[in-house]
């Protein structure tokens, strides 16, 4: 598993960066185009590196202040037909799917932390679907609402912000979650009130037996267990190359369904339904956040044991900066 790095390097640091790349065991392909970069001015390095070595390599580039005076762009390589690439992956320590590229994780989650129109739209639609699922007692609609809900992005961003001391990112994530759920619940409650006014359903709906959606408003010890497991799995899929596991995380937690039940409780005047759904939402959010933060902290502690940059290159780099 390779990452492609496009690095813009100031001319006075090109030699140090070249040595850094030569010392990195995971570098498979390297091309240098002197003076190719116009903004910012400098030399252009095109590098294919094994994922296992990418984090230490980015750390070394930051030590040389390439991120400040130049630029580092990363993208995944879908396939590399090269014996050199195979040898680089063999030399790099560990397994590519387990490797964590922290800068990539931070940048990705920072994007998910932003309160955007698309985030509000998806969360509101998911909450509406969850409310309809409660009205119709449909497990299929509950699953659909879970998959559609985008709330894990800000939750992951909040965990990353707390573990890595990114306060701005953490604040944005909190704002996105608070505003997003408040707006989604308010709009869904308004839609439910309209349905009540049209005579589609009434307060008696919440007293009926709902075998498929009963669990949404009745949190128990298993709610916390599932939330913790989902938080761990979500972070592992986010930091590794196994993003497909996120779908399982979305289906596991009842954050969005709880928000839909909260909206129905408000619209139908059932305080018990509202507060039970609120408890379910709180348990899930807290469990995911604690588990995600703990998992990130463990991963960060383990990755600190990996050598960051070759001492010879570090000396050369500091001498040139």
Protein backbone atom coordinates (compact mmCIF):
# COMPACT_ATOMS: atom_id res chain seq x y z
CA UNK A 1 0.00 0.00 0.00
CA UNK A 2 1.62 3.20 -1.22
CA UNK A 3 1.00 6.88 -0.71
CA UNK A 4 2.03 9.44 -3.32
CA UNK A 5 3.61 12.61 -1.93
CA UNK A 6 4.00 15.77 -3.95
CA UNK A 7 6.45 17.93 -2.03
CA UNK A 8 7.37 21.53 -2.78
CA UNK A 9 10.75 22.25 -1.23
CA UNK A 10 12.62 25.59 -0.98
CA UNK A 11 15.89 25.37 -2.90
CA UNK A 12 17.99 25.82 0.24
CA UNK A 13 16.50 22.62 1.73
CA UNK A 14 16.48 20.36 -1.31
CA UNK A 15 19.68 18.55 -0.35
CA UNK A 16 18.39 17.86 3.17
CA UNK A 17 15.06 16.59 1.87
CA UNK A 18 16.88 14.41 -0.67
CA UNK A 19 18.91 12.83 2.14
CA UNK A 20 15.76 12.34 4.21
CA UNK A 21 14.12 10.46 1.34
CA UNK A 22 17.25 8.40 0.69
CA UNK A 23 17.31 7.34 4.36
CA UNK A 24 13.61 6.36 4.39
CA UNK A 25 13.34 2.57 3.86
CA UNK A 26 9.78 2.81 2.55
CA UNK A 27 10.50 5.12 -0.41
CA UNK A 28 9.81 3.24 -3.63
CA UNK A 29 9.94 5.88 -6.35
CA UNK A 30 11.54 9.30 -6.29
CA UNK A 31 11.61 12.01 -8.95
CA UNK A 32 13.03 15.51 -8.52
CA UNK A 33 12.23 18.42 -10.82
CA UNK A 34 14.50 21.36 -9.90
CA UNK A 35 12.78 24.74 -9.92
CA UNK A 36 9.46 23.31 -11.12
CA UNK A 37 7.34 24.90 -8.40
CA UNK A 38 6.24 28.49 -8.95
CA UNK A 39 4.05 29.07 -5.89
CA UNK A 40 5.71 28.59 -3.51
CA UNK A 41 8.99 28.75 -5.37
CA UNK A 42 11.24 25.72 -5.09
CA UNK A 43 11.99 22.23 -6.28
CA UNK A 44 9.31 19.60 -6.82
CA UNK A 45 9.74 16.12 -5.32
CA UNK A 46 7.43 13.31 -6.46
CA UNK A 47 7.59 10.37 -4.06
CA UNK A 48 5.82 7.01 -3.73
CA UNK A 49 6.28 5.70 -0.20
CA UNK A 50 4.97 2.70 1.72
CA UNK A 51 2.17 3.72 4.05
CA UNK A 52 4.10 2.36 7.04
CA UNK A 53 6.88 4.91 6.48
CA UNK A 54 4.71 7.87 5.49
CA UNK A 55 4.13 9.23 9.00
CA UNK A 56 7.83 9.34 9.93
CA UNK A 57 8.63 10.86 6.56
CA UNK A 58 6.08 13.65 7.00
CA UNK A 59 7.45 14.21 10.49
CA UNK A 60 10.94 14.62 9.05
CA UNK A 61 9.67 17.08 6.43
CA UNK A 62 8.00 19.12 9.15
CA UNK A 63 11.27 19.11 11.08
CA UNK A 64 12.77 20.78 8.03
CA UNK A 65 9.86 23.27 7.99
CA UNK A 66 8.83 22.17 4.53
CA UNK A 67 5.19 22.51 5.61
CA UNK A 68 5.82 26.16 6.49
CA UNK A 69 7.90 27.30 3.51
CA UNK A 70 6.80 24.74 0.92
CA UNK A 71 4.01 22.20 0.78
CA UNK A 72 3.17 18.53 1.22
CA UNK A 73 0.26 16.88 -0.64
CA UNK A 74 -0.71 13.23 -0.09
CA UNK A 75 -2.91 10.84 -2.02
CA UNK A 76 -3.38 7.08 -2.08
CA UNK A 77 -1.96 4.97 -4.88
CA UNK A 78 -4.63 2.51 -5.99
CA UNK A 79 -2.14 0.15 -7.62
CA UNK A 80 1.61 0.14 -8.23
CA UNK A 81 3.05 -2.43 -10.64
CA UNK A 82 6.68 -2.27 -9.61
CA UNK A 83 9.23 -4.58 -8.06
CA UNK A 84 10.76 -1.53 -6.39
CA UNK A 85 7.43 -0.82 -4.71
CA UNK A 86 7.19 -4.39 -3.45
CA UNK A 87 10.70 -4.19 -2.01
CA UNK A 88 9.95 -0.85 -0.34
CA UNK A 89 6.87 -2.30 1.34
CA UNK A 90 8.92 -5.25 2.56
CA UNK A 91 11.60 -2.95 4.02
CA UNK A 92 9.11 -0.69 5.77
CA UNK A 93 8.27 -1.91 9.30
CA UNK A 94 4.78 -3.16 10.06
CA UNK A 95 1.74 -3.59 7.85
CA UNK A 96 0.35 -0.87 5.63
CA UNK A 97 -3.27 -1.40 6.67
CA UNK A 98 -2.31 -0.87 10.34
CA UNK A 99 -0.13 2.19 9.78
CA UNK A 100 -1.38 5.58 10.97
CA UNK A 101 -0.58 8.71 8.98
CA UNK A 102 -1.48 11.29 11.60
CA UNK A 103 -1.41 14.33 9.34
CA UNK A 104 -3.84 12.59 6.99
CA UNK A 105 -6.15 11.71 9.89
CA UNK A 106 -6.06 15.24 11.28
CA UNK A 107 -6.75 16.89 7.91
CA UNK A 108 -9.57 14.47 7.09
CA UNK A 109 -11.34 14.86 10.43
CA UNK A 110 -10.85 18.63 10.40
CA UNK A 111 -12.91 18.73 7.21
CA UNK A 112 -15.63 16.61 8.84
CA UNK A 113 -15.76 19.01 11.82
CA UNK A 114 -16.99 21.95 9.75
CA UNK A 115 -20.68 22.88 10.05
CA UNK A 116 -21.79 22.76 6.42
CA UNK A 117 -25.08 22.83 4.55
CA UNK A 118 -24.58 19.25 3.37
CA UNK A 119 -23.96 18.05 6.95
CA UNK A 120 -27.16 19.73 8.16
CA UNK A 121 -29.12 18.38 5.21
CA UNK A 122 -27.98 14.78 5.64
CA UNK A 123 -28.51 14.86 9.42
CA UNK A 124 -32.00 16.36 9.05
CA UNK A 125 -33.04 13.85 6.39
CA UNK A 126 -31.69 11.00 8.50
CA UNK A 127 -33.60 12.27 11.55
CA UNK A 128 -36.80 12.55 9.50
CA UNK A 129 -36.32 8.96 8.33
CA UNK A 130 -35.78 7.87 11.94
CA UNK A 131 -39.00 9.57 13.02
CA UNK A 132 -40.92 7.84 10.22
CA UNK A 133 -39.31 4.57 11.31
CA UNK A 134 -40.75 5.04 14.81
CA UNK A 135 -44.19 5.94 13.42
CA UNK A 136 -44.26 2.89 11.14
CA UNK A 137 -42.19 0.64 13.45
CA UNK A 138 -39.85 -0.13 10.56
CA UNK A 139 -36.42 -1.63 11.27
CA UNK A 140 -35.40 -1.06 7.65
CA UNK A 141 -35.96 2.69 7.94
CA UNK A 142 -33.99 2.73 11.21
CA UNK A 143 -31.03 1.16 9.44
CA UNK A 144 -31.39 3.61 6.57
CA UNK A 145 -31.37 6.54 8.99
CA UNK A 146 -28.28 5.14 10.72
CA UNK A 147 -26.35 4.77 7.47
CA UNK A 148 -27.36 8.22 6.19
CA UNK A 149 -26.49 10.05 9.41
CA UNK A 150 -23.16 11.96 9.16
CA UNK A 151 -22.63 12.47 12.88
CA UNK A 152 -19.62 10.18 13.28
CA UNK A 153 -17.45 12.66 11.35
CA UNK A 154 -17.68 15.46 13.95
CA UNK A 155 -17.46 12.92 16.78
CA UNK A 156 -14.20 11.58 15.33
CA UNK A 157 -12.94 15.13 14.81
CA UNK A 158 -13.73 15.95 18.44
CA UNK A 159 -11.80 12.88 19.63
CA UNK A 160 -8.81 13.74 17.42
CA UNK A 161 -8.92 17.35 18.58
CA UNK A 162 -8.92 16.31 22.24
CA UNK A 163 -6.08 13.78 21.89
CA UNK A 164 -3.87 15.99 19.70
CA UNK A 165 -4.63 19.28 21.40
CA UNK A 166 -6.35 20.80 18.35
CA UNK A 167 -8.71 23.10 20.25
CA UNK A 168 -10.09 24.90 17.22
CA UNK A 169 -11.01 21.61 15.55
CA UNK A 170 -12.60 20.33 18.76
CA UNK A 171 -14.69 23.50 19.13
CA UNK A 172 -15.87 23.27 15.54
CA UNK A 173 -16.88 19.65 16.05
CA UNK A 174 -18.88 20.51 19.19
CA UNK A 175 -20.64 23.35 17.37
CA UNK A 176 -21.43 21.08 14.41
CA UNK A 177 -22.89 18.39 16.66
CA UNK A 178 -24.88 20.79 18.84
CA UNK A 179 -26.27 22.92 16.03
CA UNK A 180 -26.78 19.94 13.73
CA UNK A 181 -28.81 17.86 16.18
CA UNK A 182 -30.76 20.87 17.46
CA UNK A 183 -31.78 21.89 13.94
CA UNK A 184 -32.53 18.31 12.84
CA UNK A 185 -34.71 17.68 15.90
CA UNK A 186 -36.49 21.03 15.51
CA UNK A 187 -37.28 20.51 11.82
CA UNK A 188 -38.36 16.91 12.40
CA UNK A 189 -40.57 18.00 15.31
CA UNK A 190 -42.18 20.59 13.03
CA UNK A 191 -42.80 17.93 10.38
CA UNK A 192 -44.25 15.60 13.01
CA UNK A 193 -46.51 18.37 14.30
CA UNK A 194 -47.77 18.85 10.73
CA UNK A 195 -48.48 15.12 10.45
CA UNK A 196 -50.40 15.28 13.73
CA UNK A 197 -52.41 18.24 12.51
CA UNK A 198 -53.31 16.35 9.34
CA UNK A 199 -54.57 13.46 11.46
CA UNK A 200 -51.96 10.97 10.29
CA UNK A 201 -51.12 9.98 13.87
CA UNK A 202 -51.62 11.16 17.44
CA UNK A 203 -50.13 10.87 20.94
CA UNK A 204 -51.51 7.35 21.25
CA UNK A 205 -48.89 6.26 18.73
CA UNK A 206 -46.15 6.33 21.35
CA UNK A 207 -48.12 4.02 23.67
CA UNK A 208 -48.47 1.31 21.06
CA UNK A 209 -46.24 -1.76 21.01
CA UNK A 210 -43.23 -1.19 18.73
CA UNK A 211 -41.22 -4.38 18.57
CA UNK A 212 -38.80 -3.17 15.86
CA UNK A 213 -38.07 0.30 17.29
CA UNK A 214 -38.69 -0.20 21.02
CA UNK A 215 -34.96 -0.14 21.75
CA UNK A 216 -34.56 3.47 20.55
CA UNK A 217 -36.25 4.97 23.60
CA UNK A 218 -35.21 2.33 26.13
CA UNK A 219 -31.45 2.61 26.69
CA UNK A 220 -29.78 -0.05 28.82
CA UNK A 221 -26.31 -1.37 29.60
CA UNK A 222 -26.00 -2.74 26.07
CA UNK A 223 -26.44 0.74 24.62
CA UNK A 224 -23.18 1.79 26.24
CA UNK A 225 -21.38 -1.42 25.25
CA UNK A 226 -22.39 -1.01 21.62
CA UNK A 227 -21.41 2.67 21.61
CA UNK A 228 -17.96 1.88 23.02
CA UNK A 229 -17.35 -0.90 20.49
CA UNK A 230 -18.56 1.36 17.67
CA UNK A 231 -16.22 4.14 18.81
CA UNK A 232 -13.21 1.83 18.80
CA UNK A 233 -14.11 0.31 15.42
CA UNK A 234 -14.79 3.74 13.93
CA UNK A 235 -11.39 5.13 14.90
CA UNK A 236 -9.57 2.01 13.74
CA UNK A 237 -11.27 2.23 10.35
CA UNK A 238 -10.50 5.94 10.17
CA UNK A 239 -6.80 5.63 11.00
CA UNK A 240 -6.19 2.50 8.94
CA UNK A 241 -6.86 1.71 5.32
CA UNK A 242 -10.10 -0.14 6.10
CA UNK A 243 -12.65 2.64 5.64
CA UNK A 244 -15.34 0.17 4.64
CA UNK A 245 -15.75 -0.80 8.31
CA UNK A 246 -17.33 2.62 8.95
CA UNK A 247 -20.60 1.37 7.46
CA UNK A 248 -20.81 -1.18 10.26
CA UNK A 249 -20.22 1.57 12.80
CA UNK A 250 -23.05 3.68 11.37
CA UNK A 251 -25.48 0.77 11.59
CA UNK A 252 -24.45 -0.06 15.16
CA UNK A 253 -25.26 3.19 16.97
CA UNK A 254 -28.65 4.77 17.61
CA UNK A 255 -27.73 8.46 17.68
CA UNK A 256 -29.89 9.54 14.73
CA UNK A 257 -32.83 7.24 15.62
CA UNK A 258 -32.78 8.72 19.13
CA UNK A 259 -32.90 12.22 17.66
CA UNK A 260 -35.94 11.21 15.58
CA UNK A 261 -37.67 9.85 18.69
CA UNK A 262 -36.86 13.08 20.53
CA UNK A 263 -38.59 15.06 17.77
CA UNK A 264 -41.69 12.86 17.97
CA UNK A 265 -41.79 13.26 21.74
CA UNK A 266 -41.72 17.03 21.33
CA UNK A 267 -44.39 17.09 18.61
CA UNK A 268 -46.74 14.73 20.44
CA UNK A 269 -46.19 16.22 23.89
CA UNK A 270 -44.74 13.06 25.46
CA UNK A 271 -42.04 14.14 27.92
CA UNK A 272 -41.15 10.57 28.86
CA UNK A 273 -40.47 9.64 25.23
CA UNK A 274 -38.37 12.77 24.76
CA UNK A 275 -36.17 12.26 27.81
CA UNK A 276 -35.68 8.52 27.23
CA UNK A 277 -34.58 9.25 23.66
CA UNK A 278 -32.33 12.04 24.96
CA UNK A 279 -30.71 9.57 27.36
CA UNK A 280 -30.14 7.14 24.49
CA UNK A 281 -28.51 9.88 22.41
CA UNK A 282 -26.32 10.99 25.33
CA UNK A 283 -25.17 7.45 26.12
CA UNK A 284 -24.22 6.79 22.50
CA UNK A 285 -22.39 10.08 22.01
CA UNK A 286 -20.51 9.76 25.30
CA UNK A 287 -19.59 6.12 24.68
CA UNK A 288 -18.33 6.78 21.17
CA UNK A 289 -16.35 9.84 22.25
CA UNK A 290 -14.65 8.14 25.21
CA UNK A 291 -13.83 4.99 23.22
CA UNK A 292 -12.59 6.95 20.21
CA UNK A 293 -10.37 9.20 22.33
CA UNK A 294 -8.94 6.24 24.24
CA UNK A 295 -8.20 4.35 21.03
CA UNK A 296 -6.47 7.36 19.51
CA UNK A 297 -4.42 7.87 22.68
CA UNK A 298 -3.26 4.24 22.61
CA UNK A 299 -2.36 4.45 18.92
CA UNK A 300 -0.48 7.69 19.47
CA UNK A 301 1.50 6.18 22.36
CA UNK A 302 2.43 3.14 20.28
CA UNK A 303 3.48 5.19 17.25
CA UNK A 304 5.75 7.35 19.40
CA UNK A 305 7.94 4.26 19.77
CA UNK A 306 8.58 4.22 16.01
CA UNK A 307 11.80 6.05 14.98
CA UNK A 308 10.80 9.38 13.52
CA UNK A 309 13.71 10.54 11.36
CA UNK A 310 17.27 9.45 10.71
CA UNK A 311 19.69 11.34 13.03
CA UNK A 312 22.06 12.14 10.16
CA UNK A 313 19.30 13.75 8.14
CA UNK A 314 17.97 15.60 11.17
CA UNK A 315 21.39 17.18 11.77
CA UNK A 316 21.72 18.15 8.15
CA UNK A 317 18.22 19.51 8.09
CA UNK A 318 18.64 21.70 11.16
CA UNK A 319 21.89 22.99 9.82
CA UNK A 320 20.23 24.09 6.61
CA UNK A 321 17.06 25.61 8.08
